[in-house]
PDB file of N, CA and C in Angstrom:
ATOM      1  N   MET A   1       0.845  -1.188   0.000  1.00  0.00           N
ATOM      2  CA  MET A   1       0.000   0.000   0.000  1.00  0.00           C
ATOM      3  C   MET A   1       0.887   1.247   0.000  1.00  0.00           C
ATOM      4  N   MET A   2       0.556   2.181  -0.833  1.00  0.00           N
ATOM      5  CA  MET A   2       1.283   3.445  -0.906  1.00  0.00           C
ATOM      6  C   MET A   2       1.050   4.245   0.375  1.00  0.00           C
ATOM      7  N   ASN A   3       2.096   4.907   0.847  1.00  0.00           N
ATOM      8  CA  ASN A   3       2.000   5.686   2.077  1.00  0.00           C
ATOM      9  C   ASN A   3       3.103   6.744   2.038  1.00  0.00           C
ATOM     10  N   ILE A   4       2.835   7.846   1.358  1.00  0.00           N
ATOM     11  CA  ILE A   4       3.858   8.869   1.124  1.00  0.00           C
ATOM     12  C   ILE A   4       3.486  10.152   1.852  1.00  0.00           C
ATOM     13  N   PRO A   5       4.388  10.691   2.682  1.00  0.00           N
ATOM     14  CA  PRO A   5       4.105  11.981   3.321  1.00  0.00           C
ATOM     15  C   PRO A   5       4.016  13.089   2.269  1.00  0.00           C
ATOM     16  N   VAL A   6       3.132  14.036   2.480  1.00  0.00           N
ATOM     17  CA  VAL A   6       2.977  15.169   1.563  1.00  0.00           C
ATOM     18  C   VAL A   6       4.313  15.890   1.379  1.00  0.00           C
ATOM     19  N   SER A   7       5.106  15.970   2.427  1.00  0.00           N
ATOM     20  CA  SER A   7       6.405  16.662   2.351  1.00  0.00           C
ATOM     21  C   SER A   7       7.312  16.082   1.275  1.00  0.00           C
ATOM     22  N   THR A   8       7.125  14.821   0.935  1.00  0.00           N
ATOM     23  CA  THR A   8       7.927  14.179  -0.110  1.00  0.00           C
ATOM     24  C   THR A   8       7.744  14.875  -1.457  1.00  0.00           C
ATOM     25  N   LEU A   9       6.546  15.382  -1.707  1.00  0.00           N
ATOM     26  CA  LEU A   9       6.298  16.087  -2.973  1.00  0.00           C
ATOM     27  C   LEU A   9       7.192  17.320  -3.089  1.00  0.00           C
ATOM     28  N   LEU A  10       7.372  18.015  -1.973  1.00  0.00           N
ATOM     29  CA  LEU A  10       8.190  19.233  -1.985  1.00  0.00           C
ATOM     30  C   LEU A  10       9.680  18.916  -2.069  1.00  0.00           C
ATOM     31  N   LYS A  11      10.072  17.742  -1.614  1.00  0.00           N
ATOM     32  CA  LYS A  11      11.477  17.342  -1.630  1.00  0.00           C
ATOM     33  C   LYS A  11      11.897  16.709  -2.955  1.00  0.00           C
ATOM     34  N   ASP A  12      10.933  16.226  -3.732  1.00  0.00           N
ATOM     35  CA  ASP A  12      11.229  15.569  -5.006  1.00  0.00           C
ATOM     36  C   ASP A  12      11.802  16.598  -5.972  1.00  0.00           C
ATOM     37  N   LYS A  13      13.026  16.402  -6.397  1.00  0.00           N
ATOM     38  CA  LYS A  13      13.710  17.377  -7.262  1.00  0.00           C
ATOM     39  C   LYS A  13      12.988  17.603  -8.584  1.00  0.00           C
ATOM     40  N   SER A  14      12.307  16.591  -9.090  1.00  0.00           N
ATOM     41  CA  SER A  14      11.597  16.767 -10.358  1.00  0.00           C
ATOM     42  C   SER A  14      10.320  17.592 -10.187  1.00  0.00           C
ATOM     43  N   LEU A  15       9.829  17.699  -8.963  1.00  0.00           N
ATOM     44  CA  LEU A  15       8.612  18.472  -8.704  1.00  0.00           C
ATOM     45  C   LEU A  15       8.884  19.781  -7.972  1.00  0.00           C
ATOM     46  N   SER A  16       9.950  19.832  -7.209  1.00  0.00           N
ATOM     47  CA  SER A  16      10.175  20.956  -6.303  1.00  0.00           C
ATOM     48  C   SER A  16      10.308  22.310  -6.999  1.00  0.00           C
ATOM     49  N   THR A  17      10.696  22.318  -8.252  1.00  0.00           N
ATOM     50  CA  THR A  17      10.766  23.604  -8.952  1.00  0.00           C
ATOM     51  C   THR A  17       9.379  24.087  -9.373  1.00  0.00           C
ATOM     52  N   HIS A  18       8.398  23.205  -9.304  1.00  0.00           N
ATOM     53  CA  HIS A  18       7.040  23.555  -9.710  1.00  0.00           C
ATOM     54  C   HIS A  18       6.084  23.698  -8.526  1.00  0.00           C
ATOM     55  N   LEU A  19       6.455  23.138  -7.385  1.00  0.00           N
ATOM     56  CA  LEU A  19       5.574  23.157  -6.217  1.00  0.00           C
ATOM     57  C   LEU A  19       6.154  24.022  -5.115  1.00  0.00           C
ATOM     58  N   LYS A  20       5.267  24.708  -4.416  1.00  0.00           N
ATOM     59  CA  LYS A  20       5.684  25.415  -3.214  1.00  0.00           C
ATOM     60  C   LYS A  20       4.537  25.363  -2.216  1.00  0.00           C
ATOM     61  N   CYS A  21       4.889  25.338  -0.973  1.00  0.00           N
ATOM     62  CA  CYS A  21       3.896  25.295   0.091  1.00  0.00           C
ATOM     63  C   CYS A  21       3.512  26.738   0.424  1.00  0.00           C
ATOM     64  N   VAL A  22       2.232  27.065   0.280  1.00  0.00           N
ATOM     65  CA  VAL A  22       1.784  28.428   0.579  1.00  0.00           C
ATOM     66  C   VAL A  22       1.015  28.496   1.897  1.00  0.00           C
ATOM     67  N   ALA A  23       0.624  27.347   2.437  1.00  0.00           N
ATOM     68  CA  ALA A  23      -0.090  27.300   3.720  1.00  0.00           C
ATOM     69  C   ALA A  23      -0.162  25.852   4.186  1.00  0.00           C
ATOM     70  N   GLY A  24      -0.429  25.685   5.467  1.00  0.00           N
ATOM     71  CA  GLY A  24      -0.674  24.349   5.996  1.00  0.00           C
ATOM     72  C   GLY A  24       0.558  23.517   6.273  1.00  0.00           C
ATOM     73  N   GLU A  25       1.651  24.171   6.632  1.00  0.00           N
ATOM     74  CA  GLU A  25       2.888  23.441   6.906  1.00  0.00           C
ATOM     75  C   GLU A  25       2.687  22.345   7.946  1.00  0.00           C
ATOM     76  N   GLN A  26       1.753  22.546   8.872  1.00  0.00           N
ATOM     77  CA  GLN A  26       1.509  21.550   9.905  1.00  0.00           C
ATOM     78  C   GLN A  26       0.947  20.251   9.330  1.00  0.00           C
ATOM     79  N   GLY A  27       0.487  20.272   8.095  1.00  0.00           N
ATOM     80  CA  GLY A  27      -0.062  19.069   7.471  1.00  0.00           C
ATOM     81  C   GLY A  27       0.905  18.335   6.565  1.00  0.00           C
ATOM     82  N   LEU A  28       2.164  18.760   6.523  1.00  0.00           N
ATOM     83  CA  LEU A  28       3.127  18.137   5.606  1.00  0.00           C
ATOM     84  C   LEU A  28       3.428  16.680   5.938  1.00  0.00           C
ATOM     85  N   ASN A  29       3.088  16.238   7.132  1.00  0.00           N
ATOM     86  CA  ASN A  29       3.304  14.831   7.485  1.00  0.00           C
ATOM     87  C   ASN A  29       2.095  13.956   7.193  1.00  0.00           C
ATOM     88  N   LYS A  30       1.008  14.569   6.717  1.00  0.00           N
ATOM     89  CA  LYS A  30      -0.153  13.763   6.325  1.00  0.00           C
ATOM     90  C   LYS A  30       0.271  12.818   5.213  1.00  0.00           C
ATOM     91  N   LYS A  31      -0.381  11.673   5.130  1.00  0.00           N
ATOM     92  CA  LYS A  31       0.012  10.641   4.179  1.00  0.00           C
ATOM     93  C   LYS A  31      -0.911  10.598   2.960  1.00  0.00           C
ATOM     94  N   ILE A  32      -0.284  10.453   1.799  1.00  0.00           N
ATOM     95  CA  ILE A  32      -1.011  10.194   0.551  1.00  0.00           C
ATOM     96  C   ILE A  32      -1.024   8.678   0.413  1.00  0.00           C
ATOM     97  N   TYR A  33      -2.187   8.078   0.428  1.00  0.00           N
ATOM     98  CA  TYR A  33      -2.243   6.625   0.303  1.00  0.00           C
ATOM     99  C   TYR A  33      -3.208   6.154  -0.776  1.00  0.00           C
ATOM    100  N   ILE A  34      -3.791   7.084  -1.492  1.00  0.00           N
ATOM    101  CA  ILE A  34      -4.607   6.739  -2.664  1.00  0.00           C
ATOM    102  C   ILE A  34      -3.914   7.386  -3.856  1.00  0.00           C
ATOM    103  N   PRO A  35      -3.445   6.592  -4.811  1.00  0.00           N
ATOM    104  CA  PRO A  35      -2.614   7.133  -5.898  1.00  0.00           C
ATOM    105  C   PRO A  35      -3.367   7.827  -7.023  1.00  0.00           C
ATOM    106  N   TYR A  36      -4.527   8.362  -6.723  1.00  0.00           N
ATOM    107  CA  TYR A  36      -5.319   9.069  -7.729  1.00  0.00           C
ATOM    108  C   TYR A  36      -5.667  10.449  -7.184  1.00  0.00           C
ATOM    109  N   ILE A  37      -5.651  11.436  -8.061  1.00  0.00           N
ATOM    110  CA  ILE A  37      -6.044  12.783  -7.647  1.00  0.00           C
ATOM    111  C   ILE A  37      -7.562  12.854  -7.539  1.00  0.00           C
ATOM    112  N   GLN A  38      -8.033  13.896  -6.898  1.00  0.00           N
ATOM    113  CA  GLN A  38      -9.467  14.146  -6.827  1.00  0.00           C
ATOM    114  C   GLN A  38      -9.718  15.610  -7.138  1.00  0.00           C
ATOM    115  N   LYS A  39     -10.655  15.859  -8.025  1.00  0.00           N
ATOM    116  CA  LYS A  39     -11.109  17.218  -8.298  1.00  0.00           C
ATOM    117  C   LYS A  39     -12.286  17.458  -7.354  1.00  0.00           C
ATOM    118  N   PRO A  40     -12.295  18.569  -6.630  1.00  0.00           N
ATOM    119  CA  PRO A  40     -13.260  18.753  -5.558  1.00  0.00           C
ATOM    120  C   PRO A  40     -14.670  19.172  -5.963  1.00  0.00           C
ATOM    121  N   GLY A  41     -14.970  19.249  -7.239  1.00  0.00           N
ATOM    122  CA  GLY A  41     -16.278  19.638  -7.766  1.00  0.00           C
ATOM    123  C   GLY A  41     -17.401  19.876  -6.781  1.00  0.00           C
ATOM    124  N   LEU A  42     -18.057  18.817  -6.324  1.00  0.00           N
ATOM    125  CA  LEU A  42     -19.224  18.965  -5.440  1.00  0.00           C
ATOM    126  C   LEU A  42     -18.877  19.629  -4.119  1.00  0.00           C
ATOM    127  N   ALA A  43     -17.667  19.436  -3.648  1.00  0.00           N
ATOM    128  CA  ALA A  43     -17.271  20.046  -2.371  1.00  0.00           C
ATOM    129  C   ALA A  43     -17.304  21.566  -2.453  1.00  0.00           C
ATOM    130  N   LEU A  44     -17.109  22.105  -3.633  1.00  0.00           N
ATOM    131  CA  LEU A  44     -17.109  23.562  -3.783  1.00  0.00           C
ATOM    132  C   LEU A  44     -18.502  24.162  -3.663  1.00  0.00           C
ATOM    133  N   ILE A  45     -19.527  23.313  -3.773  1.00  0.00           N
ATOM    134  CA  ILE A  45     -20.889  23.806  -3.533  1.00  0.00           C
ATOM    135  C   ILE A  45     -21.377  23.402  -2.140  1.00  0.00           C
ATOM    136  N   GLY A  46     -20.459  22.794  -1.355  1.00  0.00           N
ATOM    137  CA  GLY A  46     -20.790  22.476   0.025  1.00  0.00           C
ATOM    138  C   GLY A  46     -21.005  21.004   0.332  1.00  0.00           C
ATOM    139  N   ASP A  47     -20.997  20.129  -0.673  1.00  0.00           N
ATOM    140  CA  ASP A  47     -21.202  18.694  -0.437  1.00  0.00           C
ATOM    141  C   ASP A  47     -19.841  18.001  -0.342  1.00  0.00           C
ATOM    142  N   THR A  48     -19.370  17.780   0.871  1.00  0.00           N
ATOM    143  CA  THR A  48     -18.058  17.158   1.070  1.00  0.00           C
ATOM    144  C   THR A  48     -18.149  15.648   1.304  1.00  0.00           C
ATOM    145  N   SER A  49     -19.305  15.065   1.092  1.00  0.00           N
ATOM    146  CA  SER A  49     -19.494  13.640   1.379  1.00  0.00           C
ATOM    147  C   SER A  49     -18.677  12.723   0.473  1.00  0.00           C
ATOM    148  N   HIS A  50     -18.172  13.246  -0.630  1.00  0.00           N
ATOM    149  CA  HIS A  50     -17.398  12.398  -1.549  1.00  0.00           C
ATOM    150  C   HIS A  50     -15.897  12.675  -1.502  1.00  0.00           C
ATOM    151  N   ILE A  51     -15.451  13.457  -0.530  1.00  0.00           N
ATOM    152  CA  ILE A  51     -14.028  13.740  -0.383  1.00  0.00           C
ATOM    153  C   ILE A  51     -13.350  12.512   0.217  1.00  0.00           C
ATOM    154  N   HIS A  52     -12.247  12.095  -0.384  1.00  0.00           N
ATOM    155  CA  HIS A  52     -11.508  10.928   0.082  1.00  0.00           C
ATOM    156  C   HIS A  52     -10.212  11.363   0.756  1.00  0.00           C
ATOM    157  N   THR A  53     -10.093  11.087   2.040  1.00  0.00           N
ATOM    158  CA  THR A  53      -8.840  11.321   2.748  1.00  0.00           C
ATOM    159  C   THR A  53      -7.777  10.431   2.118  1.00  0.00           C
ATOM    160  N   GLY A  54      -6.576  10.966   1.990  1.00  0.00           N
ATOM    161  CA  GLY A  54      -5.492  10.192   1.404  1.00  0.00           C
ATOM    162  C   GLY A  54      -5.238  10.506  -0.056  1.00  0.00           C
ATOM    163  N   ARG A  55      -6.099  11.316  -0.643  1.00  0.00           N
ATOM    164  CA  ARG A  55      -5.931  11.735  -2.041  1.00  0.00           C
ATOM    165  C   ARG A  55      -5.466  13.178  -2.108  1.00  0.00           C
ATOM    166  N   ILE A  56      -4.787  13.517  -3.178  1.00  0.00           N
ATOM    167  CA  ILE A  56      -4.419  14.902  -3.462  1.00  0.00           C
ATOM    168  C   ILE A  56      -5.624  15.568  -4.112  1.00  0.00           C
ATOM    169  N   GLN A  57      -6.038  16.687  -3.561  1.00  0.00           N
ATOM    170  CA  GLN A  57      -7.141  17.471  -4.118  1.00  0.00           C
ATOM    171  C   GLN A  57      -6.543  18.471  -5.108  1.00  0.00           C
ATOM    172  N   VAL A  58      -7.044  18.482  -6.321  1.00  0.00           N
ATOM    173  CA  VAL A  58      -6.486  19.354  -7.354  1.00  0.00           C
ATOM    174  C   VAL A  58      -7.484  20.436  -7.745  1.00  0.00           C
ATOM    175  N   PHE A  59      -7.035  21.675  -7.599  1.00  0.00           N
ATOM    176  CA  PHE A  59      -7.803  22.832  -8.043  1.00  0.00           C
ATOM    177  C   PHE A  59      -7.185  23.313  -9.341  1.00  0.00           C
ATOM    178  N   GLY A  60      -7.884  23.081 -10.435  1.00  0.00           N
ATOM    179  CA  GLY A  60      -7.436  23.584 -11.719  1.00  0.00           C
ATOM    180  C   GLY A  60      -8.032  24.960 -11.978  1.00  0.00           C
ATOM    181  N   ALA A  61      -7.845  25.443 -13.174  1.00  0.00           N
ATOM    182  CA  ALA A  61      -8.340  26.770 -13.535  1.00  0.00           C
ATOM    183  C   ALA A  61      -9.856  26.879 -13.367  1.00  0.00           C
ATOM    184  N   SER A  62     -10.590  25.835 -13.716  1.00  0.00           N
ATOM    185  CA  SER A  62     -12.056  25.924 -13.619  1.00  0.00           C
ATOM    186  C   SER A  62     -12.523  25.974 -12.171  1.00  0.00           C
ATOM    187  N   GLU A  63     -11.866  25.237 -11.247  1.00  0.00           N
ATOM    188  CA  GLU A  63     -12.236  25.296  -9.834  1.00  0.00           C
ATOM    189  C   GLU A  63     -11.932  26.674  -9.249  1.00  0.00           C
ATOM    190  N   VAL A  64     -10.769  27.208  -9.577  1.00  0.00           N
ATOM    191  CA  VAL A  64     -10.393  28.529  -9.073  1.00  0.00           C
ATOM    192  C   VAL A  64     -11.343  29.595  -9.625  1.00  0.00           C
ATOM    193  N   ARG A  65     -11.689  29.484 -10.897  1.00  0.00           N
ATOM    194  CA  ARG A  65     -12.613  30.440 -11.513  1.00  0.00           C
ATOM    195  C   ARG A  65     -13.996  30.356 -10.849  1.00  0.00           C
ATOM    196  N   TYR A  66     -14.475  29.132 -10.609  1.00  0.00           N
ATOM    197  CA  TYR A  66     -15.773  28.953  -9.960  1.00  0.00           C
ATOM    198  C   TYR A  66     -15.772  29.589  -8.571  1.00  0.00           C
ATOM    199  N   ILE A  67     -14.744  29.304  -7.786  1.00  0.00           N
ATOM    200  CA  ILE A  67     -14.644  29.851  -6.431  1.00  0.00           C
ATOM    201  C   ILE A  67     -14.661  31.375  -6.459  1.00  0.00           C
ATOM    202  N   SER A  68     -13.949  31.950  -7.403  1.00  0.00           N
ATOM    203  CA  SER A  68     -13.845  33.410  -7.458  1.00  0.00           C
ATOM    204  C   SER A  68     -15.182  34.075  -7.783  1.00  0.00           C
ATOM    205  N   LYS A  69     -16.100  33.331  -8.378  1.00  0.00           N
ATOM    206  CA  LYS A  69     -17.403  33.890  -8.737  1.00  0.00           C
ATOM    207  C   LYS A  69     -18.446  33.754  -7.627  1.00  0.00           C
ATOM    208  N   LEU A  70     -18.118  32.998  -6.586  1.00  0.00           N
ATOM    209  CA  LEU A  70     -19.064  32.836  -5.480  1.00  0.00           C
ATOM    210  C   LEU A  70     -19.132  34.104  -4.645  1.00  0.00           C
ATOM    211  N   GLU A  71     -20.277  34.336  -4.032  1.00  0.00           N
ATOM    212  CA  GLU A  71     -20.410  35.426  -3.073  1.00  0.00           C
ATOM    213  C   GLU A  71     -19.408  35.182  -1.947  1.00  0.00           C
ATOM    214  N   PRO A  72     -18.766  36.217  -1.430  1.00  0.00           N
ATOM    215  CA  PRO A  72     -17.724  36.036  -0.410  1.00  0.00           C
ATOM    216  C   PRO A  72     -18.132  35.167   0.782  1.00  0.00           C
ATOM    217  N   ASP A  73     -19.342  35.355   1.307  1.00  0.00           N
ATOM    218  CA  ASP A  73     -19.780  34.553   2.457  1.00  0.00           C
ATOM    219  C   ASP A  73     -19.918  33.078   2.099  1.00  0.00           C
ATOM    220  N   ILE A  74     -20.449  32.807   0.926  1.00  0.00           N
ATOM    221  CA  ILE A  74     -20.622  31.418   0.478  1.00  0.00           C
ATOM    222  C   ILE A  74     -19.260  30.793   0.189  1.00  0.00           C
ATOM    223  N   ARG A  75     -18.383  31.547  -0.470  1.00  0.00           N
ATOM    224  CA  ARG A  75     -17.031  31.059  -0.763  1.00  0.00           C
ATOM    225  C   ARG A  75     -16.323  30.676   0.532  1.00  0.00           C
ATOM    226  N   LYS A  76     -16.387  31.555   1.517  1.00  0.00           N
ATOM    227  CA  LYS A  76     -15.718  31.295   2.797  1.00  0.00           C
ATOM    228  C   LYS A  76     -16.313  30.065   3.485  1.00  0.00           C
ATOM    229  N   LYS A  77     -17.634  29.978   3.507  1.00  0.00           N
ATOM    230  CA  LYS A  77     -18.318  28.846   4.160  1.00  0.00           C
ATOM    231  C   LYS A  77     -17.975  27.523   3.469  1.00  0.00           C
ATOM    232  N   ASN A  78     -18.054  27.485   2.139  1.00  0.00           N
ATOM    233  CA  ASN A  78     -17.810  26.242   1.404  1.00  0.00           C
ATOM    234  C   ASN A  78     -16.345  25.809   1.493  1.00  0.00           C
ATOM    235  N   LEU A  79     -15.425  26.768   1.409  1.00  0.00           N
ATOM    236  CA  LEU A  79     -14.012  26.408   1.510  1.00  0.00           C
ATOM    237  C   LEU A  79     -13.651  25.982   2.925  1.00  0.00           C
ATOM    238  N   HIS A  80     -14.262  26.590   3.921  1.00  0.00           N
ATOM    239  CA  HIS A  80     -14.022  26.164   5.298  1.00  0.00           C
ATOM    240  C   HIS A  80     -14.499  24.725   5.494  1.00  0.00           C
ATOM    241  N   LYS A  81     -15.681  24.423   5.003  1.00  0.00           N
ATOM    242  CA  LYS A  81     -16.219  23.061   5.120  1.00  0.00           C
ATOM    243  C   LYS A  81     -15.304  22.071   4.391  1.00  0.00           C
ATOM    244  N   PHE A  82     -14.853  22.446   3.215  1.00  0.00           N
ATOM    245  CA  PHE A  82     -13.949  21.591   2.436  1.00  0.00           C
ATOM    246  C   PHE A  82     -12.644  21.358   3.193  1.00  0.00           C
ATOM    247  N   CYS A  83     -12.041  22.417   3.687  1.00  0.00           N
ATOM    248  CA  CYS A  83     -10.730  22.313   4.337  1.00  0.00           C
ATOM    249  C   CYS A  83     -10.777  21.611   5.685  1.00  0.00           C
ATOM    250  N   THR A  84     -11.940  21.536   6.292  1.00  0.00           N
ATOM    251  CA  THR A  84     -12.055  20.844   7.573  1.00  0.00           C
ATOM    252  C   THR A  84     -12.599  19.426   7.405  1.00  0.00           C
ATOM    253  N   SER A  85     -12.620  18.914   6.195  1.00  0.00           N
ATOM    254  CA  SER A  85     -13.133  17.561   5.940  1.00  0.00           C
ATOM    255  C   SER A  85     -11.996  16.532   5.840  1.00  0.00           C
ATOM    256  N   ASP A  86     -10.919  16.751   6.564  1.00  0.00           N
ATOM    257  CA  ASP A  86      -9.788  15.830   6.651  1.00  0.00           C
ATOM    258  C   ASP A  86      -9.161  15.521   5.293  1.00  0.00           C
ATOM    259  N   ILE A  87      -8.900  16.572   4.536  1.00  0.00           N
ATOM    260  CA  ILE A  87      -8.217  16.388   3.263  1.00  0.00           C
ATOM    261  C   ILE A  87      -6.717  16.219   3.514  1.00  0.00           C
ATOM    262  N   THR A  88      -6.031  15.617   2.567  1.00  0.00           N
ATOM    263  CA  THR A  88      -4.604  15.356   2.716  1.00  0.00           C
ATOM    264  C   THR A  88      -3.776  16.536   2.242  1.00  0.00           C
ATOM    265  N   CYS A  89      -4.024  16.998   1.037  1.00  0.00           N
ATOM    266  CA  CYS A  89      -3.354  18.200   0.543  1.00  0.00           C
ATOM    267  C   CYS A  89      -4.098  18.725  -0.675  1.00  0.00           C
ATOM    268  N   ILE A  90      -3.809  19.969  -0.991  1.00  0.00           N
ATOM    269  CA  ILE A  90      -4.412  20.629  -2.148  1.00  0.00           C
ATOM    270  C   ILE A  90      -3.283  21.125  -3.040  1.00  0.00           C
ATOM    271  N   ILE A  91      -3.422  20.886  -4.321  1.00  0.00           N
ATOM    272  CA  ILE A  91      -2.489  21.448  -5.292  1.00  0.00           C
ATOM    273  C   ILE A  91      -3.300  22.328  -6.237  1.00  0.00           C
ATOM    274  N   VAL A  92      -2.877  23.574  -6.366  1.00  0.00           N
ATOM    275  CA  VAL A  92      -3.507  24.512  -7.304  1.00  0.00           C
ATOM    276  C   VAL A  92      -2.624  24.519  -8.549  1.00  0.00           C
ATOM    277  N   THR A  93      -3.220  24.225  -9.692  1.00  0.00           N
ATOM    278  CA  THR A  93      -2.459  24.061 -10.933  1.00  0.00           C
ATOM    279  C   THR A  93      -2.571  25.265 -11.859  1.00  0.00           C
ATOM    280  N   ARG A  94      -1.854  25.173 -12.966  1.00  0.00           N
ATOM    281  CA  ARG A  94      -1.930  26.137 -14.065  1.00  0.00           C
ATOM    282  C   ARG A  94      -1.539  27.558 -13.669  1.00  0.00           C
ATOM    283  N   ASN A  95      -0.676  27.677 -12.673  1.00  0.00           N
ATOM    284  CA  ASN A  95      -0.259  28.997 -12.188  1.00  0.00           C
ATOM    285  C   ASN A  95      -1.445  29.863 -11.772  1.00  0.00           C
ATOM    286  N   SER A  96      -2.540  29.206 -11.388  1.00  0.00           N
ATOM    287  CA  SER A  96      -3.712  29.947 -10.922  1.00  0.00           C
ATOM    288  C   SER A  96      -3.401  30.585  -9.577  1.00  0.00           C
ATOM    289  N   LYS A  97      -3.974  31.724  -9.346  1.00  0.00           N
ATOM    290  CA  LYS A  97      -3.793  32.406  -8.067  1.00  0.00           C
ATOM    291  C   LYS A  97      -4.591  31.645  -7.009  1.00  0.00           C
ATOM    292  N   THR A  98      -3.924  31.247  -5.951  1.00  0.00           N
ATOM    293  CA  THR A  98      -4.594  30.503  -4.886  1.00  0.00           C
ATOM    294  C   THR A  98      -5.556  31.432  -4.149  1.00  0.00           C
ATOM    295  N   PRO A  99      -6.826  31.053  -4.068  1.00  0.00           N
ATOM    296  CA  PRO A  99      -7.804  31.905  -3.382  1.00  0.00           C
ATOM    297  C   PRO A  99      -7.384  32.172  -1.931  1.00  0.00           C
ATOM    298  N   ARG A 100      -7.508  33.397  -1.511  1.00  0.00           N
ATOM    299  CA  ARG A 100      -7.127  33.824  -0.158  1.00  0.00           C
ATOM    300  C   ARG A 100      -7.805  32.961   0.906  1.00  0.00           C
ATOM    301  N   GLU A 101      -9.086  32.660   0.708  1.00  0.00           N
ATOM    302  CA  GLU A 101      -9.829  31.866   1.684  1.00  0.00           C
ATOM    303  C   GLU A 101      -9.284  30.448   1.785  1.00  0.00           C
ATOM    304  N   LEU A 102      -8.722  29.951   0.720  1.00  0.00           N
ATOM    305  CA  LEU A 102      -8.141  28.610   0.742  1.00  0.00           C
ATOM    306  C   LEU A 102      -6.829  28.615   1.536  1.00  0.00           C
ATOM    307  N   ILE A 103      -6.084  29.679   1.424  1.00  0.00           N
ATOM    308  CA  ILE A 103      -4.838  29.815   2.189  1.00  0.00           C
ATOM    309  C   ILE A 103      -5.143  29.964   3.675  1.00  0.00           C
ATOM    310  N   GLN A 104      -6.172  30.729   3.984  1.00  0.00           N
ATOM    311  CA  GLN A 104      -6.541  30.942   5.387  1.00  0.00           C
ATOM    312  C   GLN A 104      -7.017  29.664   6.007  1.00  0.00           C
TER     313      GLN A 104
END
């Protein structure tokens, strides 16, 4: 069974020039044990029942764009619910600007 600490991603020389930790340093010892990424789709509207602990959550351009269009109160509420659902780590791709609420 795969069991890789999130910190390994930052230490991997082939990835380290592309990845940086912008928040959540206390979670770098969390383990990735499901070798498939997850796009958080439904979680962004508040349904976190399909979030799988142990997977990397990937926010691409469409997720970041969707979040940015939400009303501030809803964005904050949905991202808080998502981030407190025992996720392993989040990677924001495509040089997208990481939403402030996600960093907080």
